[in-house]
């Protein structure tokens, strides 16, 4: 909870549940309080066998399941890519993406994104550590800076004067690092940055919940070709006024009422009779 308290976006769903599934809601509060049942984390006496039920190599704790058990490396990558897709969308509206996950420099490092904004190079890399207090975020950020530091002279030799390394840190249980905002304020409007934080937080919670449920049940909660469950919200090039003219508001309201009235009962019944995906049968809500 120490990391969660750093930014209001980390608990944005408490009041309205926006961008958050019911299953995620039931999982995240227990997980943040370390109350989810695991071999090394149970009420009462702990079992004699505390190792991970999947890999069997390490003690089965929540950090191990969400961030270290290699049985779910594909899900880690999808969780990482879900956050990266949000960040890339914001950057693309403000600057130019020069490379994405491409080998760069003498050691062929692969940062997630290299972007040019107003003549400045930004080396952006997303990381999703477990929220083991604020030091976990600080260390994750320092590791990324140290890893890509050698690319600074590489780009300066190409003629760029300013080169910056930008780690984007979001906890696996949805804690948002406020230091992300130092860069994101340059590429996103204030209104879209508010939405972007919430989307990244909810993405991490969603994927971590699916990893945890798969760990307990063995039922995979996603497909290899999974896309973002939360629809992408593209930033607008201009800010939308918070207060609209009353006549425009009334016209829009009447138009919506008329459109809703035109939907027949047959259309409604057909919509709710659509078959659900086969994978939904295997999902276990926590």
C-alpha atoms as a PDB file:
ATOM      1  CA  UNK A   1       0.000   0.000   0.000  1.00  0.00           C
ATOM      2  CA  UNK A   2       3.021   2.273   0.338  1.00  0.00           C
ATOM      3  CA  UNK A   3       3.382   2.450  -3.444  1.00  0.00           C
ATOM      4  CA  UNK A   4      -0.379   2.718  -3.980  1.00  0.00           C
ATOM      5  CA  UNK A   5      -0.530   5.862  -1.844  1.00  0.00           C
ATOM      6  CA  UNK A   6       1.935   7.672  -4.113  1.00  0.00           C
ATOM      7  CA  UNK A   7      -0.627   8.558  -6.804  1.00  0.00           C
ATOM      8  CA  UNK A   8      -4.450   8.828  -6.841  1.00  0.00           C
ATOM      9  CA  UNK A   9      -4.520   6.983 -10.175  1.00  0.00           C
ATOM     10  CA  UNK A  10      -3.471   3.813  -8.351  1.00  0.00           C
ATOM     11  CA  UNK A  11      -6.903   3.619  -6.702  1.00  0.00           C
ATOM     12  CA  UNK A  12      -8.991   5.468  -9.297  1.00  0.00           C
ATOM     13  CA  UNK A  13     -11.500   2.587  -9.507  1.00  0.00           C
ATOM     14  CA  UNK A  14     -12.607   2.749  -5.863  1.00  0.00           C
ATOM     15  CA  UNK A  15     -15.509   5.114  -6.502  1.00  0.00           C
ATOM     16  CA  UNK A  16     -16.727   4.262 -10.003  1.00  0.00           C
ATOM     17  CA  UNK A  17     -14.917   1.073 -11.031  1.00  0.00           C
ATOM     18  CA  UNK A  18     -13.945   2.588 -14.370  1.00  0.00           C
ATOM     19  CA  UNK A  19     -11.837   0.411 -16.704  1.00  0.00           C
ATOM     20  CA  UNK A  20     -11.968  -2.380 -14.112  1.00  0.00           C
ATOM     21  CA  UNK A  21     -13.734  -5.746 -14.273  1.00  0.00           C
ATOM     22  CA  UNK A  22     -15.669  -7.089 -11.281  1.00  0.00           C
ATOM     23  CA  UNK A  23     -13.187  -9.962 -11.110  1.00  0.00           C
ATOM     24  CA  UNK A  24     -10.303  -7.484 -10.913  1.00  0.00           C
ATOM     25  CA  UNK A  25     -12.074  -5.581  -8.140  1.00  0.00           C
ATOM     26  CA  UNK A  26     -12.453  -8.719  -6.041  1.00  0.00           C
ATOM     27  CA  UNK A  27      -8.805  -9.642  -6.560  1.00  0.00           C
ATOM     28  CA  UNK A  28      -6.869  -6.414  -6.209  1.00  0.00           C
ATOM     29  CA  UNK A  29      -7.912  -5.404  -2.690  1.00  0.00           C
ATOM     30  CA  UNK A  30      -6.966  -8.777  -1.217  1.00  0.00           C
ATOM     31  CA  UNK A  31      -3.756  -8.864  -3.242  1.00  0.00           C
ATOM     32  CA  UNK A  32      -2.641  -5.413  -2.114  1.00  0.00           C
ATOM     33  CA  UNK A  33      -3.152  -6.470   1.493  1.00  0.00           C
ATOM     34  CA  UNK A  34      -1.345  -9.775   0.830  1.00  0.00           C
ATOM     35  CA  UNK A  35      -4.436 -11.783   1.785  1.00  0.00           C
ATOM     36  CA  UNK A  36      -4.727 -14.025  -1.274  1.00  0.00           C
ATOM     37  CA  UNK A  37      -4.249 -17.734  -0.439  1.00  0.00           C
ATOM     38  CA  UNK A  38      -0.971 -19.303  -1.556  1.00  0.00           C
ATOM     39  CA  UNK A  39       1.218 -22.081  -0.168  1.00  0.00           C
ATOM     40  CA  UNK A  40       3.418 -19.616   1.703  1.00  0.00           C
ATOM     41  CA  UNK A  41       0.641 -17.150   2.455  1.00  0.00           C
ATOM     42  CA  UNK A  42      -2.342 -18.624   4.292  1.00  0.00           C
ATOM     43  CA  UNK A  43      -4.338 -17.958   7.423  1.00  0.00           C
ATOM     44  CA  UNK A  44      -3.377 -20.299  10.224  1.00  0.00           C
ATOM     45  CA  UNK A  45      -0.534 -22.811  10.168  1.00  0.00           C
ATOM     46  CA  UNK A  46       1.411 -22.887   6.927  1.00  0.00           C
ATOM     47  CA  UNK A  47       1.628 -26.202   5.063  1.00  0.00           C
ATOM     48  CA  UNK A  48       4.832 -28.212   5.116  1.00  0.00           C
ATOM     49  CA  UNK A  49       5.168 -27.790   1.343  1.00  0.00           C
ATOM     50  CA  UNK A  50       5.506 -24.085   0.653  1.00  0.00           C
ATOM     51  CA  UNK A  51       7.180 -24.196  -2.742  1.00  0.00           C
ATOM     52  CA  UNK A  52       5.461 -23.037  -5.909  1.00  0.00           C
ATOM     53  CA  UNK A  53       2.896 -25.543  -7.154  1.00  0.00           C
ATOM     54  CA  UNK A  54       3.956 -24.883 -10.764  1.00  0.00           C
ATOM     55  CA  UNK A  55       7.742 -24.532 -10.893  1.00  0.00           C
ATOM     56  CA  UNK A  56       8.538 -26.015  -7.471  1.00  0.00           C
ATOM     57  CA  UNK A  57      11.739 -23.972  -7.201  1.00  0.00           C
ATOM     58  CA  UNK A  58      10.860 -21.097  -4.905  1.00  0.00           C
ATOM     59  CA  UNK A  59       8.514 -20.313  -2.032  1.00  0.00           C
ATOM     60  CA  UNK A  60       5.025 -19.586  -3.361  1.00  0.00           C
ATOM     61  CA  UNK A  61       4.411 -15.952  -2.513  1.00  0.00           C
ATOM     62  CA  UNK A  62       2.445 -13.354  -4.453  1.00  0.00           C
ATOM     63  CA  UNK A  63       5.586 -11.602  -5.795  1.00  0.00           C
ATOM     64  CA  UNK A  64       6.830 -14.975  -7.049  1.00  0.00           C
ATOM     65  CA  UNK A  65       3.559 -15.787  -8.816  1.00  0.00           C
ATOM     66  CA  UNK A  66       3.088 -12.390 -10.478  1.00  0.00           C
ATOM     67  CA  UNK A  67       6.693 -11.503 -11.314  1.00  0.00           C
ATOM     68  CA  UNK A  68       9.062 -14.462 -11.009  1.00  0.00           C
ATOM     69  CA  UNK A  69       7.424 -17.804 -11.846  1.00  0.00           C
ATOM     70  CA  UNK A  70       8.632 -18.477 -15.387  1.00  0.00           C
ATOM     71  CA  UNK A  71       5.512 -20.530 -16.114  1.00  0.00           C
ATOM     72  CA  UNK A  72       3.810 -17.210 -16.894  1.00  0.00           C
ATOM     73  CA  UNK A  73       6.539 -15.439 -18.856  1.00  0.00           C
ATOM     74  CA  UNK A  74       4.189 -15.085 -21.849  1.00  0.00           C
ATOM     75  CA  UNK A  75       1.616 -13.341 -19.644  1.00  0.00           C
ATOM     76  CA  UNK A  76       4.305 -11.023 -18.260  1.00  0.00           C
ATOM     77  CA  UNK A  77       5.131  -9.998 -21.810  1.00  0.00           C
ATOM     78  CA  UNK A  78       1.475  -9.358 -22.621  1.00  0.00           C
ATOM     79  CA  UNK A  79       1.058  -7.296 -19.444  1.00  0.00           C
ATOM     80  CA  UNK A  80       4.136  -5.288 -20.363  1.00  0.00           C
ATOM     81  CA  UNK A  81       2.947  -4.823 -23.953  1.00  0.00           C
ATOM     82  CA  UNK A  82      -0.493  -3.669 -22.795  1.00  0.00           C
ATOM     83  CA  UNK A  83       1.089  -0.786 -20.881  1.00  0.00           C
ATOM     84  CA  UNK A  84       3.536  -0.088 -23.698  1.00  0.00           C
ATOM     85  CA  UNK A  85       0.689   0.227 -26.210  1.00  0.00           C
ATOM     86  CA  UNK A  86      -0.876   2.987 -24.092  1.00  0.00           C
ATOM     87  CA  UNK A  87       2.396   4.882 -23.814  1.00  0.00           C
ATOM     88  CA  UNK A  88       3.162   4.522 -27.512  1.00  0.00           C
ATOM     89  CA  UNK A  89      -0.251   5.922 -28.438  1.00  0.00           C
ATOM     90  CA  UNK A  90       0.419   9.050 -26.392  1.00  0.00           C
ATOM     91  CA  UNK A  91       3.948   9.546 -27.741  1.00  0.00           C
ATOM     92  CA  UNK A  92       2.896   9.100 -31.375  1.00  0.00           C
ATOM     93  CA  UNK A  93       0.571  12.126 -31.134  1.00  0.00           C
ATOM     94  CA  UNK A  94       3.368  14.407 -29.966  1.00  0.00           C
ATOM     95  CA  UNK A  95       6.542  13.098 -31.592  1.00  0.00           C
ATOM     96  CA  UNK A  96       8.010  10.520 -33.943  1.00  0.00           C
ATOM     97  CA  UNK A  97       8.671   6.876 -33.059  1.00  0.00           C
ATOM     98  CA  UNK A  98      12.133   6.072 -34.430  1.00  0.00           C
ATOM     99  CA  UNK A  99      12.300   2.441 -33.332  1.00  0.00           C
ATOM    100  CA  UNK A 100      10.332  -0.121 -31.356  1.00  0.00           C
ATOM    101  CA  UNK A 101      12.099  -3.086 -29.752  1.00  0.00           C
ATOM    102  CA  UNK A 102      14.971  -2.907 -32.239  1.00  0.00           C
ATOM    103  CA  UNK A 103      18.642  -3.706 -31.594  1.00  0.00           C
ATOM    104  CA  UNK A 104      20.593  -0.477 -31.103  1.00  0.00           C
ATOM    105  CA  UNK A 105      24.205   0.291 -30.309  1.00  0.00           C
ATOM    106  CA  UNK A 106      27.306  -1.901 -30.070  1.00  0.00           C
ATOM    107  CA  UNK A 107      25.710  -4.283 -27.549  1.00  0.00           C
ATOM    108  CA  UNK A 108      22.438  -4.537 -29.496  1.00  0.00           C
ATOM    109  CA  UNK A 109      20.235  -3.312 -26.663  1.00  0.00           C
ATOM    110  CA  UNK A 110      16.504  -3.334 -27.331  1.00  0.00           C
ATOM    111  CA  UNK A 111      14.645  -0.480 -25.629  1.00  0.00           C
ATOM    112  CA  UNK A 112      10.882  -0.574 -25.997  1.00  0.00           C
ATOM    113  CA  UNK A 113      10.684   2.756 -27.812  1.00  0.00           C
ATOM    114  CA  UNK A 114      13.021   5.413 -29.128  1.00  0.00           C
ATOM    115  CA  UNK A 115      11.173   8.636 -29.892  1.00  0.00           C
ATOM    116  CA  UNK A 116      12.193  12.041 -31.182  1.00  0.00           C
ATOM    117  CA  UNK A 117      10.281  14.995 -29.753  1.00  0.00           C
ATOM    118  CA  UNK A 118      11.297  18.540 -30.698  1.00  0.00           C
ATOM    119  CA  UNK A 119      14.796  17.411 -31.640  1.00  0.00           C
ATOM    120  CA  UNK A 120      15.333  15.493 -28.390  1.00  0.00           C
ATOM    121  CA  UNK A 121      15.763  11.722 -28.199  1.00  0.00           C
ATOM    122  CA  UNK A 122      13.829   9.823 -25.532  1.00  0.00           C
ATOM    123  CA  UNK A 123      14.701   6.184 -24.864  1.00  0.00           C
ATOM    124  CA  UNK A 124      11.515   4.804 -23.300  1.00  0.00           C
ATOM    125  CA  UNK A 125      11.342   1.444 -21.556  1.00  0.00           C
ATOM    126  CA  UNK A 126       8.411   0.032 -19.575  1.00  0.00           C
ATOM    127  CA  UNK A 127       8.940  -2.046 -16.451  1.00  0.00           C
ATOM    128  CA  UNK A 128       6.356  -3.721 -14.193  1.00  0.00           C
ATOM    129  CA  UNK A 129       7.941  -4.528 -10.802  1.00  0.00           C
ATOM    130  CA  UNK A 130       6.146  -5.857  -7.748  1.00  0.00           C
ATOM    131  CA  UNK A 131       5.213  -3.126  -5.259  1.00  0.00           C
ATOM    132  CA  UNK A 132       7.667  -4.009  -2.480  1.00  0.00           C
ATOM    133  CA  UNK A 133       7.598  -0.475  -1.082  1.00  0.00           C
ATOM    134  CA  UNK A 134       8.924   2.621  -2.829  1.00  0.00           C
ATOM    135  CA  UNK A 135      12.467   1.299  -3.021  1.00  0.00           C
ATOM    136  CA  UNK A 136      11.249  -1.292  -5.530  1.00  0.00           C
ATOM    137  CA  UNK A 137      10.191   1.488  -7.906  1.00  0.00           C
ATOM    138  CA  UNK A 138      13.400   3.425  -7.339  1.00  0.00           C
ATOM    139  CA  UNK A 139      15.588   0.386  -8.001  1.00  0.00           C
ATOM    140  CA  UNK A 140      13.593  -0.581 -11.092  1.00  0.00           C
ATOM    141  CA  UNK A 141      14.068   2.909 -12.490  1.00  0.00           C
ATOM    142  CA  UNK A 142      17.796   2.916 -11.703  1.00  0.00           C
ATOM    143  CA  UNK A 143      18.289  -0.449 -13.404  1.00  0.00           C
ATOM    144  CA  UNK A 144      16.723   0.836 -16.612  1.00  0.00           C
ATOM    145  CA  UNK A 145      18.849   3.992 -16.585  1.00  0.00           C
ATOM    146  CA  UNK A 146      22.029   1.978 -16.016  1.00  0.00           C
ATOM    147  CA  UNK A 147      21.108  -0.537 -18.713  1.00  0.00           C
ATOM    148  CA  UNK A 148      20.566   2.006 -21.494  1.00  0.00           C
ATOM    149  CA  UNK A 149      23.140   4.598 -20.437  1.00  0.00           C
ATOM    150  CA  UNK A 150      25.534   3.462 -23.173  1.00  0.00           C
ATOM    151  CA  UNK A 151      23.005   4.536 -25.814  1.00  0.00           C
ATOM    152  CA  UNK A 152      23.403   8.208 -24.880  1.00  0.00           C
ATOM    153  CA  UNK A 153      26.820   8.610 -26.572  1.00  0.00           C
ATOM    154  CA  UNK A 154      25.544   6.465 -29.448  1.00  0.00           C
ATOM    155  CA  UNK A 155      22.822   8.978 -30.302  1.00  0.00           C
ATOM    156  CA  UNK A 156      25.045  11.975 -29.614  1.00  0.00           C
ATOM    157  CA  UNK A 157      27.445  10.625 -32.216  1.00  0.00           C
ATOM    158  CA  UNK A 158      24.507  10.665 -34.626  1.00  0.00           C
ATOM    159  CA  UNK A 159      24.122  14.415 -34.094  1.00  0.00           C
ATOM    160  CA  UNK A 160      21.493  14.623 -31.328  1.00  0.00           C
ATOM    161  CA  UNK A 161      22.370  17.037 -28.535  1.00  0.00           C
ATOM    162  CA  UNK A 162      19.842  15.941 -25.911  1.00  0.00           C
ATOM    163  CA  UNK A 163      19.257  12.258 -25.135  1.00  0.00           C
ATOM    164  CA  UNK A 164      17.177  11.094 -22.163  1.00  0.00           C
ATOM    165  CA  UNK A 165      16.380   7.673 -20.733  1.00  0.00           C
ATOM    166  CA  UNK A 166      12.759   7.413 -19.601  1.00  0.00           C
ATOM    167  CA  UNK A 167      11.725   4.387 -17.529  1.00  0.00           C
ATOM    168  CA  UNK A 168       7.947   3.998 -17.225  1.00  0.00           C
ATOM    169  CA  UNK A 169       7.219   2.176 -13.961  1.00  0.00           C
ATOM    170  CA  UNK A 170       3.820   0.658 -13.144  1.00  0.00           C
ATOM    171  CA  UNK A 171       3.455  -1.908 -10.348  1.00  0.00           C
ATOM    172  CA  UNK A 172       2.103  -5.359 -11.096  1.00  0.00           C
ATOM    173  CA  UNK A 173      -0.801  -4.599  -8.734  1.00  0.00           C
ATOM    174  CA  UNK A 174      -1.514  -1.289 -10.411  1.00  0.00           C
ATOM    175  CA  UNK A 175       0.561   1.233  -8.457  1.00  0.00           C
ATOM    176  CA  UNK A 176       1.443   4.259 -10.584  1.00  0.00           C
ATOM    177  CA  UNK A 177       4.857   5.890 -10.172  1.00  0.00           C
ATOM    178  CA  UNK A 178       4.414   9.703 -10.165  1.00  0.00           C
ATOM    179  CA  UNK A 179       7.847  10.111 -11.764  1.00  0.00           C
ATOM    180  CA  UNK A 180       6.316   8.820 -14.995  1.00  0.00           C
ATOM    181  CA  UNK A 181       4.457  12.114 -15.247  1.00  0.00           C
ATOM    182  CA  UNK A 182       7.650  14.142 -15.707  1.00  0.00           C
ATOM    183  CA  UNK A 183       7.925  12.773 -19.243  1.00  0.00           C
ATOM    184  CA  UNK A 184       4.287  12.059 -20.047  1.00  0.00           C
ATOM    185  CA  UNK A 185       3.281  15.674 -19.422  1.00  0.00           C
ATOM    186  CA  UNK A 186       5.370  16.538 -22.466  1.00  0.00           C
ATOM    187  CA  UNK A 187       3.460  14.217 -24.790  1.00  0.00           C
ATOM    188  CA  UNK A 188      -0.110  14.191 -23.449  1.00  0.00           C
ATOM    189  CA  UNK A 189      -2.667  16.833 -22.619  1.00  0.00           C
ATOM    190  CA  UNK A 190      -3.758  17.069 -19.016  1.00  0.00           C
ATOM    191  CA  UNK A 191      -7.102  15.404 -19.701  1.00  0.00           C
ATOM    192  CA  UNK A 192      -5.624  12.501 -21.652  1.00  0.00           C
ATOM    193  CA  UNK A 193      -2.829  11.968 -19.121  1.00  0.00           C
ATOM    194  CA  UNK A 194      -5.504  11.482 -16.470  1.00  0.00           C
ATOM    195  CA  UNK A 195      -7.095   8.767 -18.612  1.00  0.00           C
ATOM    196  CA  UNK A 196      -3.730   7.243 -19.543  1.00  0.00           C
ATOM    197  CA  UNK A 197      -2.755   6.702 -15.907  1.00  0.00           C
ATOM    198  CA  UNK A 198      -6.031   4.938 -15.182  1.00  0.00           C
ATOM    199  CA  UNK A 199      -5.762   2.712 -18.252  1.00  0.00           C
ATOM    200  CA  UNK A 200      -2.223   1.587 -17.408  1.00  0.00           C
ATOM    201  CA  UNK A 201      -3.198   0.863 -13.803  1.00  0.00           C
ATOM    202  CA  UNK A 202      -6.233  -1.187 -14.828  1.00  0.00           C
ATOM    203  CA  UNK A 203      -4.240  -3.097 -17.457  1.00  0.00           C
ATOM    204  CA  UNK A 204      -1.707  -4.274 -14.865  1.00  0.00           C
ATOM    205  CA  UNK A 205      -4.422  -5.299 -12.416  1.00  0.00           C
ATOM    206  CA  UNK A 206      -6.289  -7.207 -15.112  1.00  0.00           C
ATOM    207  CA  UNK A 207      -3.263  -9.184 -16.261  1.00  0.00           C
ATOM    208  CA  UNK A 208      -2.042  -9.898 -12.727  1.00  0.00           C
ATOM    209  CA  UNK A 209      -5.459 -11.199 -11.756  1.00  0.00           C
ATOM    210  CA  UNK A 210      -5.477 -13.515 -14.781  1.00  0.00           C
ATOM    211  CA  UNK A 211      -1.991 -14.803 -13.910  1.00  0.00           C
ATOM    212  CA  UNK A 212      -3.050 -15.508 -10.330  1.00  0.00           C
ATOM    213  CA  UNK A 213      -6.229 -17.353 -11.336  1.00  0.00           C
ATOM    214  CA  UNK A 214      -4.340 -19.442 -13.869  1.00  0.00           C
ATOM    215  CA  UNK A 215      -1.789 -20.278 -11.185  1.00  0.00           C
ATOM    216  CA  UNK A 216      -4.479 -21.620  -8.854  1.00  0.00           C
ATOM    217  CA  UNK A 217      -6.756 -23.346 -11.347  1.00  0.00           C
ATOM    218  CA  UNK A 218      -4.549 -24.204 -14.305  1.00  0.00           C
ATOM    219  CA  UNK A 219      -7.148 -22.597 -16.612  1.00  0.00           C
ATOM    220  CA  UNK A 220      -5.504 -20.046 -18.895  1.00  0.00           C
ATOM    221  CA  UNK A 221      -7.425 -16.781 -18.809  1.00  0.00           C
ATOM    222  CA  UNK A 222      -6.178 -15.369 -22.099  1.00  0.00           C
ATOM    223  CA  UNK A 223      -5.211 -16.431 -25.612  1.00  0.00           C
ATOM    224  CA  UNK A 224      -1.803 -16.019 -27.208  1.00  0.00           C
ATOM    225  CA  UNK A 225      -3.277 -13.439 -29.552  1.00  0.00           C
ATOM    226  CA  UNK A 226      -4.995 -11.461 -26.798  1.00  0.00           C
ATOM    227  CA  UNK A 227      -5.464  -7.758 -27.415  1.00  0.00           C
ATOM    228  CA  UNK A 228      -6.260  -5.090 -24.866  1.00  0.00           C
ATOM    229  CA  UNK A 229      -9.539  -5.868 -23.150  1.00  0.00           C
ATOM    230  CA  UNK A 230      -9.919  -2.184 -22.323  1.00  0.00           C
ATOM    231  CA  UNK A 231     -10.605  -0.250 -25.561  1.00  0.00           C
ATOM    232  CA  UNK A 232      -7.884   2.169 -26.578  1.00  0.00           C
ATOM    233  CA  UNK A 233      -8.849   5.775 -25.942  1.00  0.00           C
ATOM    234  CA  UNK A 234      -6.963   7.969 -28.366  1.00  0.00           C
ATOM    235  CA  UNK A 235      -5.910  11.424 -27.201  1.00  0.00           C
ATOM    236  CA  UNK A 236      -7.542  14.344 -28.909  1.00  0.00           C
ATOM    237  CA  UNK A 237      -5.374  16.952 -30.556  1.00  0.00           C
ATOM    238  CA  UNK A 238      -7.291  19.706 -28.785  1.00  0.00           C
ATOM    239  CA  UNK A 239      -8.730  19.969 -25.312  1.00  0.00           C
ATOM    240  CA  UNK A 240     -12.493  19.539 -25.086  1.00  0.00           C
ATOM    241  CA  UNK A 241     -14.190  22.387 -23.190  1.00  0.00           C
ATOM    242  CA  UNK A 242     -15.475  21.294 -19.825  1.00  0.00           C
ATOM    243  CA  UNK A 243     -18.645  23.426 -20.139  1.00  0.00           C
ATOM    244  CA  UNK A 244     -20.713  23.367 -23.309  1.00  0.00           C
ATOM    245  CA  UNK A 245     -23.421  25.703 -24.484  1.00  0.00           C
ATOM    246  CA  UNK A 246     -26.793  24.745 -22.965  1.00  0.00           C
ATOM    247  CA  UNK A 247     -28.518  24.593 -26.338  1.00  0.00           C
ATOM    248  CA  UNK A 248     -25.860  22.205 -27.672  1.00  0.00           C
ATOM    249  CA  UNK A 249     -26.151  20.049 -24.589  1.00  0.00           C
ATOM    250  CA  UNK A 250     -29.942  19.868 -24.893  1.00  0.00           C
ATOM    251  CA  UNK A 251     -29.711  19.023 -28.601  1.00  0.00           C
ATOM    252  CA  UNK A 252     -27.242  16.227 -27.925  1.00  0.00           C
ATOM    253  CA  UNK A 253     -29.442  14.878 -25.131  1.00  0.00           C
ATOM    254  CA  UNK A 254     -32.553  14.827 -27.323  1.00  0.00           C
ATOM    255  CA  UNK A 255     -30.630  13.143 -30.136  1.00  0.00           C
ATOM    256  CA  UNK A 256     -29.437  10.405 -27.802  1.00  0.00           C
ATOM    257  CA  UNK A 257     -32.971   9.850 -26.474  1.00  0.00           C
ATOM    258  CA  UNK A 258     -34.367   9.489 -29.992  1.00  0.00           C
ATOM    259  CA  UNK A 259     -31.623   7.087 -31.015  1.00  0.00           C
ATOM    260  CA  UNK A 260     -32.216   4.937 -27.923  1.00  0.00           C
ATOM    261  CA  UNK A 261     -35.953   4.859 -28.603  1.00  0.00           C
ATOM    262  CA  UNK A 262     -35.383   3.505 -32.101  1.00  0.00           C
ATOM    263  CA  UNK A 263     -33.775   0.327 -30.834  1.00  0.00           C
ATOM    264  CA  UNK A 264     -36.384  -2.416 -31.052  1.00  0.00           C
ATOM    265  CA  UNK A 265     -36.938  -5.230 -28.591  1.00  0.00           C
ATOM    266  CA  UNK A 266     -35.774  -7.698 -31.246  1.00  0.00           C
ATOM    267  CA  UNK A 267     -32.410  -5.949 -31.531  1.00  0.00           C
ATOM    268  CA  UNK A 268     -32.003  -5.983 -27.775  1.00  0.00           C
ATOM    269  CA  UNK A 269     -32.784  -9.691 -27.507  1.00  0.00           C
ATOM    270  CA  UNK A 270     -30.408 -10.535 -30.347  1.00  0.00           C
ATOM    271  CA  UNK A 271     -27.642  -8.581 -28.705  1.00  0.00           C
ATOM    272  CA  UNK A 272     -27.944 -10.465 -25.440  1.00  0.00           C
ATOM    273  CA  UNK A 273     -28.279 -13.833 -27.115  1.00  0.00           C
ATOM    274  CA  UNK A 274     -24.871 -13.613 -28.778  1.00  0.00           C
ATOM    275  CA  UNK A 275     -22.717 -16.572 -27.740  1.00  0.00           C
ATOM    276  CA  UNK A 276     -19.916 -15.747 -25.335  1.00  0.00           C
ATOM    277  CA  UNK A 277     -16.326 -16.790 -26.134  1.00  0.00           C
ATOM    278  CA  UNK A 278     -15.404 -20.350 -25.260  1.00  0.00           C
ATOM    279  CA  UNK A 279     -12.659 -19.119 -22.977  1.00  0.00           C
ATOM    280  CA  UNK A 280     -15.195 -17.444 -20.684  1.00  0.00           C
ATOM    281  CA  UNK A 281     -16.310 -20.877 -19.527  1.00  0.00           C
ATOM    282  CA  UNK A 282     -12.901 -21.406 -17.954  1.00  0.00           C
ATOM    283  CA  UNK A 283     -12.678 -18.067 -16.169  1.00  0.00           C
ATOM    284  CA  UNK A 284     -12.937 -18.273 -12.396  1.00  0.00           C
ATOM    285  CA  UNK A 285     -13.870 -15.001 -10.715  1.00  0.00           C
ATOM    286  CA  UNK A 286     -11.992 -14.290  -7.531  1.00  0.00           C
END
